């Protein structure tokens, strides 16, 4: 957020509001994954959302008949975003 250039207070407040909602959802999903990592991602995302997310993260075509678990989805997200390079850890075993 520090790198963004805001010319007015109104633009700053709009960006802050949007980023706050995104941050809340990310924290909610991390907590849900820690609580029940084997739940399907369809419990938290629509089909359009999870297909778009997995397509972006894996850079491969996505099989819409087999939605990933929340653990798998968050694992790909962590690898793609570079938060943790430790392969083989379950998402509930460390702080994502």
N, C-alpha and C. Protein backbone atom coordinates (compact mmCIF):
# COMPACT_ATOMS: atom_id res chain seq x y z
N UNK A 1 0.82 -1.18 0.00
CA UNK A 1 0.00 0.00 0.00
C UNK A 1 0.87 1.25 0.00
N UNK A 2 2.06 1.14 0.59
CA UNK A 2 2.95 2.30 0.64
C UNK A 2 3.42 2.72 -0.75
N UNK A 3 3.51 1.76 -1.68
CA UNK A 3 3.99 2.07 -3.03
C UNK A 3 2.93 2.73 -3.91
N UNK A 4 1.67 2.65 -3.49
CA UNK A 4 0.61 3.26 -4.28
C UNK A 4 0.67 4.78 -4.15
N UNK A 5 0.34 5.44 -5.22
CA UNK A 5 0.35 6.91 -5.21
C UNK A 5 -1.08 7.42 -5.14
N UNK A 6 -1.37 8.15 -4.12
CA UNK A 6 -2.70 8.73 -3.95
C UNK A 6 -2.59 10.24 -4.07
N UNK A 7 -3.44 10.80 -4.90
CA UNK A 7 -3.41 12.25 -5.09
C UNK A 7 -4.42 12.94 -4.19
N UNK A 8 -5.45 12.20 -3.76
CA UNK A 8 -6.47 12.81 -2.92
C UNK A 8 -6.81 11.88 -1.77
N UNK A 9 -7.40 12.44 -0.75
CA UNK A 9 -7.83 11.65 0.39
C UNK A 9 -8.93 10.68 -0.01
N UNK A 10 -9.80 11.08 -0.93
CA UNK A 10 -10.88 10.22 -1.39
C UNK A 10 -10.33 8.95 -2.02
N UNK A 11 -9.32 9.06 -2.86
CA UNK A 11 -8.71 7.88 -3.49
C UNK A 11 -8.06 6.98 -2.45
N UNK A 12 -7.41 7.58 -1.49
CA UNK A 12 -6.77 6.82 -0.42
C UNK A 12 -7.82 6.03 0.36
N UNK A 13 -8.92 6.67 0.71
CA UNK A 13 -9.95 6.00 1.50
C UNK A 13 -10.62 4.88 0.72
N UNK A 14 -10.84 5.07 -0.57
CA UNK A 14 -11.40 3.99 -1.40
C UNK A 14 -10.46 2.79 -1.45
N UNK A 15 -9.19 3.04 -1.69
CA UNK A 15 -8.21 1.94 -1.75
C UNK A 15 -8.09 1.26 -0.40
N UNK A 16 -8.07 2.02 0.67
CA UNK A 16 -7.96 1.45 2.01
C UNK A 16 -9.17 0.57 2.31
N UNK A 17 -10.35 1.01 1.94
CA UNK A 17 -11.57 0.23 2.17
C UNK A 17 -11.53 -1.09 1.41
N UNK A 18 -11.13 -1.04 0.16
CA UNK A 18 -11.07 -2.25 -0.66
C UNK A 18 -10.02 -3.22 -0.10
N UNK A 19 -8.84 -2.71 0.23
CA UNK A 19 -7.77 -3.58 0.73
C UNK A 19 -8.11 -4.16 2.09
N UNK A 20 -8.88 -3.46 2.88
CA UNK A 20 -9.30 -3.98 4.18
C UNK A 20 -10.22 -5.18 4.01
N UNK A 21 -11.15 -5.10 3.06
CA UNK A 21 -12.05 -6.21 2.79
C UNK A 21 -11.26 -7.42 2.28
N UNK A 22 -10.33 -7.20 1.38
CA UNK A 22 -9.50 -8.29 0.85
C UNK A 22 -8.69 -8.93 1.97
N UNK A 23 -8.09 -8.13 2.83
CA UNK A 23 -7.29 -8.66 3.94
C UNK A 23 -8.16 -9.47 4.89
N UNK A 24 -9.38 -9.01 5.15
CA UNK A 24 -10.27 -9.74 6.03
C UNK A 24 -10.60 -11.11 5.44
N UNK A 25 -10.89 -11.15 4.14
CA UNK A 25 -11.23 -12.43 3.51
C UNK A 25 -10.05 -13.39 3.52
N UNK A 26 -8.86 -12.89 3.28
CA UNK A 26 -7.67 -13.75 3.32
C UNK A 26 -7.50 -14.34 4.71
N UNK A 27 -7.62 -13.53 5.74
CA UNK A 27 -7.49 -14.03 7.12
C UNK A 27 -8.59 -15.04 7.45
N UNK A 28 -9.81 -14.78 6.98
CA UNK A 28 -10.91 -15.71 7.20
C UNK A 28 -10.62 -17.05 6.56
N UNK A 29 -10.12 -17.04 5.32
CA UNK A 29 -9.82 -18.28 4.61
C UNK A 29 -8.66 -19.04 5.26
N UNK A 30 -7.67 -18.32 5.77
CA UNK A 30 -6.57 -18.99 6.47
C UNK A 30 -7.08 -19.69 7.72
N UNK A 31 -7.94 -19.02 8.46
CA UNK A 31 -8.51 -19.63 9.65
C UNK A 31 -9.38 -20.84 9.32
N UNK A 32 -10.17 -20.74 8.27
CA UNK A 32 -11.01 -21.86 7.86
C UNK A 32 -10.17 -23.05 7.44
N UNK A 33 -9.06 -22.80 6.77
CA UNK A 33 -8.17 -23.88 6.35
C UNK A 33 -7.51 -24.53 7.55
N UNK A 34 -7.13 -23.75 8.52
CA UNK A 34 -6.53 -24.34 9.73
C UNK A 34 -7.55 -25.18 10.49
N UNK A 35 -8.80 -24.74 10.49
CA UNK A 35 -9.84 -25.46 11.22
C UNK A 35 -10.20 -26.78 10.55
N UNK A 36 -10.40 -26.76 9.24
CA UNK A 36 -10.78 -27.96 8.49
C UNK A 36 -10.15 -27.90 7.11
N UNK A 37 -8.93 -28.37 7.01
CA UNK A 37 -8.19 -28.27 5.75
C UNK A 37 -8.70 -29.22 4.68
N UNK A 38 -9.47 -30.22 5.06
CA UNK A 38 -9.96 -31.18 4.08
C UNK A 38 -11.28 -30.77 3.45
N UNK A 39 -11.84 -29.65 3.86
CA UNK A 39 -13.11 -29.20 3.27
C UNK A 39 -12.88 -28.74 1.83
N UNK A 40 -13.86 -28.97 0.97
CA UNK A 40 -13.68 -28.54 -0.42
C UNK A 40 -13.71 -27.02 -0.53
N UNK A 41 -13.02 -26.51 -1.50
CA UNK A 41 -12.97 -25.06 -1.68
C UNK A 41 -14.32 -24.49 -2.10
N UNK A 42 -15.22 -25.37 -2.56
CA UNK A 42 -16.55 -24.91 -2.95
C UNK A 42 -17.37 -24.45 -1.75
N UNK A 43 -16.92 -24.75 -0.55
CA UNK A 43 -17.60 -24.25 0.65
C UNK A 43 -17.35 -22.76 0.85
N UNK A 44 -16.30 -22.23 0.24
CA UNK A 44 -15.92 -20.83 0.44
C UNK A 44 -15.89 -20.01 -0.85
N UNK A 45 -15.83 -20.67 -2.00
CA UNK A 45 -15.74 -19.99 -3.28
C UNK A 45 -16.81 -20.52 -4.22
N UNK A 46 -17.28 -19.66 -5.11
CA UNK A 46 -18.15 -20.13 -6.19
C UNK A 46 -17.29 -20.88 -7.19
N UNK A 47 -17.93 -21.61 -8.10
CA UNK A 47 -17.16 -22.35 -9.09
C UNK A 47 -16.32 -21.41 -9.95
N UNK A 48 -16.89 -20.29 -10.34
CA UNK A 48 -16.15 -19.33 -11.15
C UNK A 48 -14.92 -18.82 -10.42
N UNK A 49 -15.07 -18.55 -9.12
CA UNK A 49 -13.94 -18.03 -8.34
C UNK A 49 -12.82 -19.05 -8.21
N UNK A 50 -13.14 -20.28 -7.78
CA UNK A 50 -12.06 -21.24 -7.55
C UNK A 50 -11.40 -21.69 -8.84
N UNK A 51 -12.16 -21.77 -9.94
CA UNK A 51 -11.56 -22.14 -11.22
C UNK A 51 -10.58 -21.04 -11.67
N UNK A 52 -10.98 -19.79 -11.52
CA UNK A 52 -10.10 -18.68 -11.89
C UNK A 52 -8.85 -18.65 -11.01
N UNK A 53 -9.01 -18.87 -9.72
CA UNK A 53 -7.88 -18.86 -8.80
C UNK A 53 -6.91 -20.00 -9.12
N UNK A 54 -7.43 -21.22 -9.29
CA UNK A 54 -6.55 -22.36 -9.58
C UNK A 54 -5.90 -22.22 -10.95
N UNK A 55 -6.63 -21.69 -11.91
CA UNK A 55 -6.02 -21.47 -13.23
C UNK A 55 -4.87 -20.50 -13.16
N UNK A 56 -5.04 -19.44 -12.38
CA UNK A 56 -3.97 -18.46 -12.21
C UNK A 56 -2.79 -19.05 -11.45
N UNK A 57 -3.07 -19.78 -10.39
CA UNK A 57 -1.99 -20.32 -9.55
C UNK A 57 -1.21 -21.44 -10.21
N UNK A 58 -1.90 -22.33 -10.92
CA UNK A 58 -1.21 -23.49 -11.49
C UNK A 58 -0.76 -23.27 -12.93
N UNK A 59 -1.34 -22.28 -13.60
CA UNK A 59 -1.02 -22.00 -15.01
C UNK A 59 -1.32 -23.21 -15.90
N UNK A 60 -2.35 -23.98 -15.51
CA UNK A 60 -2.79 -25.15 -16.27
C UNK A 60 -4.31 -25.13 -16.37
N UNK A 61 -4.86 -25.88 -17.32
CA UNK A 61 -6.32 -26.00 -17.37
C UNK A 61 -6.84 -26.68 -16.09
N UNK A 62 -7.99 -26.26 -15.64
CA UNK A 62 -8.54 -26.76 -14.38
C UNK A 62 -9.71 -27.71 -14.67
N UNK A 63 -9.73 -28.85 -13.97
CA UNK A 63 -10.82 -29.81 -14.08
C UNK A 63 -11.94 -29.34 -13.14
N UNK A 64 -13.03 -28.84 -13.70
CA UNK A 64 -14.10 -28.28 -12.89
C UNK A 64 -14.90 -29.35 -12.15
N UNK A 65 -14.74 -30.61 -12.52
CA UNK A 65 -15.46 -31.69 -11.84
C UNK A 65 -14.78 -32.12 -10.55
N UNK A 66 -13.54 -31.70 -10.33
CA UNK A 66 -12.79 -32.11 -9.13
C UNK A 66 -12.24 -30.89 -8.41
N UNK A 67 -13.06 -30.21 -7.60
CA UNK A 67 -12.55 -29.03 -6.89
C UNK A 67 -11.51 -29.43 -5.85
N UNK A 68 -10.48 -28.63 -5.67
CA UNK A 68 -9.45 -28.96 -4.68
C UNK A 68 -9.96 -28.70 -3.26
N UNK A 69 -9.25 -29.28 -2.31
CA UNK A 69 -9.56 -28.98 -0.92
C UNK A 69 -8.99 -27.59 -0.59
N UNK A 70 -9.39 -27.06 0.53
CA UNK A 70 -8.86 -25.76 0.94
C UNK A 70 -7.35 -25.85 1.17
N UNK A 71 -6.89 -26.99 1.68
CA UNK A 71 -5.46 -27.17 1.90
C UNK A 71 -4.69 -27.10 0.58
N UNK A 72 -5.19 -27.76 -0.44
CA UNK A 72 -4.53 -27.75 -1.74
C UNK A 72 -4.54 -26.34 -2.35
N UNK A 73 -5.68 -25.67 -2.26
CA UNK A 73 -5.78 -24.33 -2.83
C UNK A 73 -4.82 -23.37 -2.14
N UNK A 74 -4.79 -23.41 -0.81
CA UNK A 74 -3.91 -22.51 -0.07
C UNK A 74 -2.44 -22.89 -0.27
N UNK A 75 -2.15 -24.18 -0.44
CA UNK A 75 -0.78 -24.61 -0.70
C UNK A 75 -0.27 -24.02 -2.01
N UNK A 76 -1.09 -24.08 -3.07
CA UNK A 76 -0.69 -23.48 -4.35
C UNK A 76 -0.53 -21.97 -4.21
N UNK A 77 -1.40 -21.36 -3.45
CA UNK A 77 -1.33 -19.91 -3.24
C UNK A 77 -0.02 -19.54 -2.54
N UNK A 78 0.35 -20.29 -1.51
CA UNK A 78 1.58 -20.03 -0.77
C UNK A 78 2.79 -20.19 -1.68
N UNK A 79 2.81 -21.27 -2.47
CA UNK A 79 3.94 -21.48 -3.38
C UNK A 79 4.02 -20.37 -4.42
N UNK A 80 2.89 -19.97 -4.96
CA UNK A 80 2.88 -18.95 -6.02
C UNK A 80 3.30 -17.59 -5.47
N UNK A 81 2.85 -17.26 -4.29
CA UNK A 81 3.13 -15.96 -3.71
C UNK A 81 4.48 -15.91 -3.00
N UNK A 82 5.11 -17.05 -2.79
CA UNK A 82 6.43 -17.07 -2.18
C UNK A 82 6.44 -16.86 -0.68
N UNK A 83 5.32 -17.13 -0.01
CA UNK A 83 5.27 -16.93 1.44
C UNK A 83 6.11 -17.96 2.19
N UNK A 84 6.15 -19.17 1.67
CA UNK A 84 6.92 -20.21 2.34
C UNK A 84 7.40 -21.20 1.30
N UNK A 85 8.67 -21.48 1.29
CA UNK A 85 9.25 -22.39 0.31
C UNK A 85 9.43 -23.79 0.87
N UNK A 86 8.90 -24.08 2.04
CA UNK A 86 9.05 -25.40 2.64
C UNK A 86 8.03 -26.35 2.02
N UNK A 87 8.50 -27.23 1.15
CA UNK A 87 7.63 -28.19 0.51
C UNK A 87 7.34 -29.33 1.49
N UNK A 88 6.14 -29.84 1.47
CA UNK A 88 5.80 -30.98 2.30
C UNK A 88 5.12 -30.62 3.61
N UNK A 89 5.01 -29.36 3.94
CA UNK A 89 4.31 -28.96 5.15
C UNK A 89 2.82 -28.82 4.86
N UNK A 90 2.01 -29.31 5.76
CA UNK A 90 0.58 -29.08 5.62
C UNK A 90 0.29 -27.66 6.04
N UNK A 91 -0.75 -27.10 5.49
CA UNK A 91 -1.07 -25.70 5.77
C UNK A 91 -1.38 -25.49 7.25
N UNK A 92 -1.98 -26.47 7.90
CA UNK A 92 -2.30 -26.32 9.32
C UNK A 92 -1.09 -26.44 10.22
N UNK A 93 0.05 -26.91 9.68
CA UNK A 93 1.26 -27.13 10.49
C UNK A 93 2.10 -25.89 10.67
N UNK A 94 1.88 -24.87 9.86
CA UNK A 94 2.63 -23.64 10.01
C UNK A 94 1.72 -22.47 9.71
N UNK A 95 2.13 -21.32 10.06
CA UNK A 95 1.30 -20.14 9.87
C UNK A 95 1.39 -19.70 8.41
N UNK A 96 0.28 -19.84 7.70
CA UNK A 96 0.23 -19.48 6.28
C UNK A 96 0.12 -17.98 6.13
